[in-house]
Amino acid sequence: MKIRLFKPKTWYWLHKWTSIFTGVALVMWLITGLVINWDRLFPPAETALPAVPVYASLEMSPAAAIDRLEELTGQSVEVQSVNLRRLPEMVVYEISRRDGPTALLDAQTGQLVEITSELAETIALADRPQAGAVQAVDQLAYNDQGYVYGPLPVYRVVLADGKDTYVHVTADTGEISQVNDRWSRGRYYLRTLHNFQAVKLFSNRQAVITSLLWGTTIATLVTVVLGYYLALPRKWRIF
């Protein structure tokens, strides 16, 4: 006994349009998948690191760094982690706190280190010495098309290298969170299509991205199941 839900022509019409949708999604995933692996296929040239500081001359221990931070702030500090890091021409303790912002302490002098626009410029040039000069430095309090995601606030250091390179330096820790140029930004926009993160250019709601992922998954499943069903001999079909 067959249950007539739709006319056969309706099933083919539904399969055709779901196939068009999933076909576009498949081509997009294939192309963006290649773009995602571009750096593995063509790795960028390595940049020269600045001179290695003399760690043997450091006398301040992590415990002493925490005591020094409490002395400078005038309050006890609830520490989450302590890391020893390099910055241009200095070594710092990065003290991550549960009860406040992350602090940077010069491991040689014991002074607090503030990430200023000048220091951000120095950090960017140390990471990209071939650039030679800086064109502009701006501070970002929000994400934009040149910095779609990542920690905020950051300094955007624009290098005068002819490639419109952006080096993004976090304002709290001085870490380089992202480096991109015209070509890599174009590739990044293609990469964001792979998991629909490009939606963040228009909406910051994760629910929109989740809905698109679920919708595409369900449409693909319907297309595959319906295709196999229509491939069956008519006498085997129950609808």
Protein backbone atom coordinates (compact mmCIF):
# COMPACT_ATOMS: atom_id res chain seq x y z
CA MET A 1 0.00 0.00 0.00
CA LYS A 2 1.37 3.41 -1.00
CA ILE A 3 0.79 6.56 1.02
CA ARG A 4 0.31 9.48 -1.32
CA LEU A 5 1.83 12.55 0.34
CA PHE A 6 2.99 14.40 -2.78
CA LYS A 7 2.86 13.84 -6.48
CA PRO A 8 6.05 12.27 -7.90
CA LYS A 9 6.78 15.53 -9.69
CA THR A 10 6.79 17.31 -6.31
CA TRP A 11 9.42 14.92 -4.94
CA TYR A 12 11.68 15.62 -7.92
CA TRP A 13 11.10 19.37 -7.57
CA LEU A 14 12.05 19.20 -3.87
CA HIS A 15 15.14 17.12 -4.63
CA LYS A 16 16.21 19.52 -7.38
CA TRP A 17 16.15 22.61 -5.19
CA THR A 18 17.71 20.99 -2.13
CA SER A 19 20.43 19.66 -4.46
CA ILE A 20 21.12 23.16 -5.78
CA PHE A 21 21.44 24.49 -2.24
CA THR A 22 23.65 21.68 -0.97
CA GLY A 23 25.67 21.73 -4.21
CA VAL A 24 26.53 25.39 -3.66
CA ALA A 25 27.42 24.63 -0.02
CA LEU A 26 29.61 21.69 -1.09
CA VAL A 27 31.52 23.77 -3.66
CA MET A 28 31.96 26.51 -1.04
CA TRP A 29 33.32 24.00 1.50
CA LEU A 30 35.71 22.50 -1.04
CA ILE A 31 37.10 25.87 -2.13
CA THR A 32 37.36 27.27 1.39
CA GLY A 33 38.91 23.98 2.55
CA LEU A 34 41.72 24.50 0.05
CA VAL A 35 42.10 28.09 1.24
CA ILE A 36 42.29 26.96 4.88
CA ASN A 37 45.23 24.68 4.01
CA TRP A 38 47.00 27.29 1.86
CA ASP A 39 49.62 28.06 4.51
CA ARG A 40 50.41 24.34 4.85
CA LEU A 41 50.90 24.02 1.11
CA PHE A 42 52.83 27.29 0.80
CA PRO A 43 54.28 28.13 4.24
CA PRO A 44 55.20 31.80 4.74
CA ALA A 45 58.83 32.79 5.09
CA GLU A 46 60.08 32.76 8.67
CA THR A 47 60.99 36.09 10.20
CA ALA A 48 64.21 36.65 12.11
CA LEU A 49 63.78 36.79 15.87
CA PRO A 50 65.30 39.64 17.86
CA ALA A 51 68.39 38.99 19.93
CA VAL A 52 67.85 36.53 22.74
CA PRO A 53 67.96 38.26 26.14
CA VAL A 54 70.35 37.04 28.80
CA TYR A 55 68.10 34.98 31.05
CA ALA A 56 71.00 34.09 33.34
CA SER A 57 71.14 37.69 34.54
CA LEU A 58 67.58 37.61 35.86
CA GLU A 59 67.44 37.35 39.62
CA MET A 60 63.72 37.84 40.26
CA SER A 61 61.82 34.61 40.92
CA PRO A 62 58.09 34.15 40.16
CA ALA A 63 57.32 34.39 43.89
CA ALA A 64 59.31 37.63 44.11
CA ALA A 65 57.46 38.96 41.08
CA ILE A 66 54.11 38.32 42.78
CA ASP A 67 55.33 40.02 45.97
CA ARG A 68 56.52 42.98 43.89
CA LEU A 69 53.14 43.24 42.15
CA GLU A 70 51.35 43.26 45.52
CA GLU A 71 53.75 45.96 46.70
CA LEU A 72 53.07 48.11 43.63
CA THR A 73 49.28 47.67 43.72
CA GLY A 74 48.96 47.87 47.50
CA GLN A 75 46.74 44.81 47.69
CA SER A 76 46.95 41.03 47.78
CA VAL A 77 46.81 39.34 44.41
CA GLU A 78 44.99 36.11 43.59
CA VAL A 79 47.24 34.60 40.93
CA GLN A 80 46.03 32.22 38.25
CA SER A 81 49.31 31.74 36.37
CA VAL A 82 52.77 33.25 35.94
CA ASN A 83 54.67 33.14 32.64
CA LEU A 84 58.09 34.43 31.69
CA ARG A 85 57.89 36.14 28.27
CA ARG A 86 60.07 38.08 25.87
CA LEU A 87 59.30 41.57 24.70
CA PRO A 88 61.67 43.69 22.61
CA GLU A 89 64.71 44.55 24.74
CA MET A 90 63.20 43.12 27.93
CA VAL A 91 61.90 40.02 29.65
CA VAL A 92 58.66 40.26 31.59
CA TYR A 93 56.62 38.21 33.99
CA GLU A 94 53.05 37.93 32.76
CA ILE A 95 50.94 37.52 35.89
CA SER A 96 47.39 36.42 35.17
CA ARG A 97 45.02 37.27 38.00
CA ARG A 98 41.65 35.89 39.04
CA ASP A 99 40.77 39.14 40.77
CA GLY A 100 41.95 41.69 38.23
CA PRO A 101 43.58 42.40 34.88
CA THR A 102 46.74 40.67 33.71
CA ALA A 103 49.89 42.48 34.78
CA LEU A 104 53.30 42.66 33.10
CA LEU A 105 56.32 43.07 35.36
CA ASP A 106 59.82 43.74 34.09
CA ALA A 107 61.83 40.74 35.29
CA GLN A 108 64.99 42.85 35.52
CA THR A 109 63.80 46.08 37.17
CA GLY A 110 60.58 44.93 38.87
CA GLN A 111 58.59 47.78 37.31
CA LEU A 112 55.15 47.45 35.79
CA VAL A 113 55.18 47.47 31.99
CA GLU A 114 52.39 49.24 30.11
CA ILE A 115 51.71 48.37 26.50
CA THR A 116 51.67 51.79 24.86
CA SER A 117 51.28 52.58 21.18
CA GLU A 118 55.07 53.15 20.99
CA LEU A 119 55.81 49.74 22.55
CA ALA A 120 53.21 48.10 20.27
CA GLU A 121 55.03 49.64 17.30
CA THR A 122 58.34 48.23 18.56
CA ILE A 123 56.78 44.78 19.05
CA ALA A 124 55.35 44.82 15.52
CA LEU A 125 58.66 45.84 13.94
CA ALA A 126 60.53 43.19 15.95
CA ASP A 127 58.17 40.58 14.54
CA ARG A 128 58.34 41.97 10.97
CA PRO A 129 61.80 43.56 10.68
CA GLN A 130 61.68 43.46 6.89
CA ALA A 131 58.92 46.11 6.93
CA GLY A 132 61.38 48.75 8.07
CA ALA A 133 58.84 51.40 9.07
CA VAL A 134 55.36 51.92 10.46
CA GLN A 135 52.67 53.80 8.62
CA ALA A 136 50.12 54.20 11.42
CA VAL A 137 49.12 52.90 14.86
CA ASP A 138 45.49 52.78 16.02
CA GLN A 139 43.78 51.27 19.03
CA LEU A 140 40.72 49.09 18.42
CA ALA A 141 38.01 48.60 21.00
CA TYR A 142 35.86 46.49 18.68
CA ASN A 143 36.28 43.98 15.86
CA ASP A 144 36.07 45.10 12.25
CA GLN A 145 36.66 43.65 8.80
CA GLY A 146 40.43 43.79 9.28
CA TYR A 147 40.20 42.09 12.68
CA VAL A 148 37.06 39.98 12.65
CA TYR A 149 37.73 38.15 15.91
CA GLY A 150 40.31 38.15 18.68
CA PRO A 151 40.95 39.69 22.10
CA LEU A 152 40.20 43.36 22.67
CA PRO A 153 41.42 46.04 22.98
CA VAL A 154 44.32 45.78 20.54
CA TYR A 155 46.72 48.10 18.80
CA ARG A 156 46.67 47.88 15.02
CA VAL A 157 50.12 48.63 13.67
CA VAL A 158 50.00 49.29 9.92
CA LEU A 159 53.38 48.55 8.34
CA ALA A 160 54.78 50.54 5.44
CA ASP A 161 55.73 47.42 3.47
CA GLY A 162 53.57 47.93 0.38
CA LYS A 163 51.33 45.01 1.39
CA ASP A 164 49.07 46.94 3.79
CA THR A 165 50.12 44.59 6.60
CA TYR A 166 48.27 44.85 9.93
CA VAL A 167 49.97 43.64 13.10
CA HIS A 168 47.52 43.44 16.00
CA VAL A 169 49.12 43.70 19.43
CA THR A 170 46.98 43.10 22.52
CA ALA A 171 46.84 46.13 24.79
CA ASP A 172 47.02 44.13 28.02
CA THR A 173 49.77 41.56 27.38
CA GLY A 174 51.59 42.83 24.29
CA GLU A 175 51.12 39.54 22.47
CA ILE A 176 50.60 39.55 18.72
CA SER A 177 47.11 38.20 18.29
CA GLN A 178 46.90 38.43 14.51
CA VAL A 179 48.94 39.48 11.47
CA ASN A 180 47.38 39.91 8.05
CA ASP A 181 47.87 41.72 4.76
CA ARG A 182 45.64 42.37 1.75
CA TRP A 183 46.11 38.85 0.39
CA SER A 184 45.67 37.03 3.69
CA ARG A 185 42.61 39.13 4.59
CA GLY A 186 41.02 38.08 1.32
CA ARG A 187 41.82 34.45 2.09
CA TYR A 188 40.49 34.89 5.62
CA TYR A 189 37.11 36.09 4.35
CA LEU A 190 36.93 32.92 2.25
CA ARG A 191 37.90 30.82 5.29
CA THR A 192 35.09 32.33 7.35
CA LEU A 193 32.60 30.99 4.81
CA HIS A 194 33.70 27.46 5.71
CA ASN A 195 31.97 27.58 9.11
CA PHE A 196 29.73 30.62 8.51
CA GLN A 197 31.85 32.84 10.77
CA ALA A 198 31.47 35.50 8.05
CA VAL A 199 28.02 36.09 9.51
CA LYS A 200 29.77 37.97 12.35
CA LEU A 201 30.35 40.80 9.87
CA PHE A 202 26.60 41.41 10.06
CA SER A 203 25.51 39.87 13.35
CA ASN A 204 27.32 38.87 16.55
CA ARG A 205 24.61 36.36 17.46
CA GLN A 206 26.01 32.85 17.63
CA ALA A 207 22.45 31.55 17.26
CA VAL A 208 22.42 32.75 13.62
CA ILE A 209 25.59 30.78 12.80
CA THR A 210 24.28 27.70 14.62
CA SER A 211 20.99 27.90 12.72
CA LEU A 212 22.81 28.10 9.39
CA LEU A 213 24.99 25.10 10.25
CA TRP A 214 21.98 23.04 11.34
CA GLY A 215 19.95 24.17 8.33
CA THR A 216 22.69 23.21 5.88
CA THR A 217 23.23 19.86 7.61
CA ILE A 218 19.52 19.02 7.53
CA ALA A 219 19.17 20.15 3.89
CA THR A 220 22.15 17.96 2.93
CA LEU A 221 20.69 14.98 4.76
CA VAL A 222 17.31 15.49 3.07
CA THR A 223 18.98 15.75 -0.34
CA VAL A 224 20.95 12.52 0.11
CA VAL A 225 18.05 10.50 1.53
CA LEU A 226 15.62 11.83 -1.08
CA GLY A 227 18.11 11.10 -3.87
CA TYR A 228 18.47 7.48 -2.78
CA TYR A 229 14.71 7.19 -2.41
CA LEU A 230 14.05 8.49 -5.93
CA ALA A 231 16.66 6.06 -7.25
CA LEU A 232 14.56 3.13 -6.06
CA PRO A 233 12.28 1.36 -8.51
CA ARG A 234 8.78 2.85 -8.38
CA LYS A 235 7.27 -0.40 -7.03
CA TRP A 236 9.52 -0.18 -3.96
CA ARG A 237 8.54 3.35 -3.05
CA ILE A 238 6.00 3.72 -0.29
CA PHE A 239 5.24 7.40 -0.94
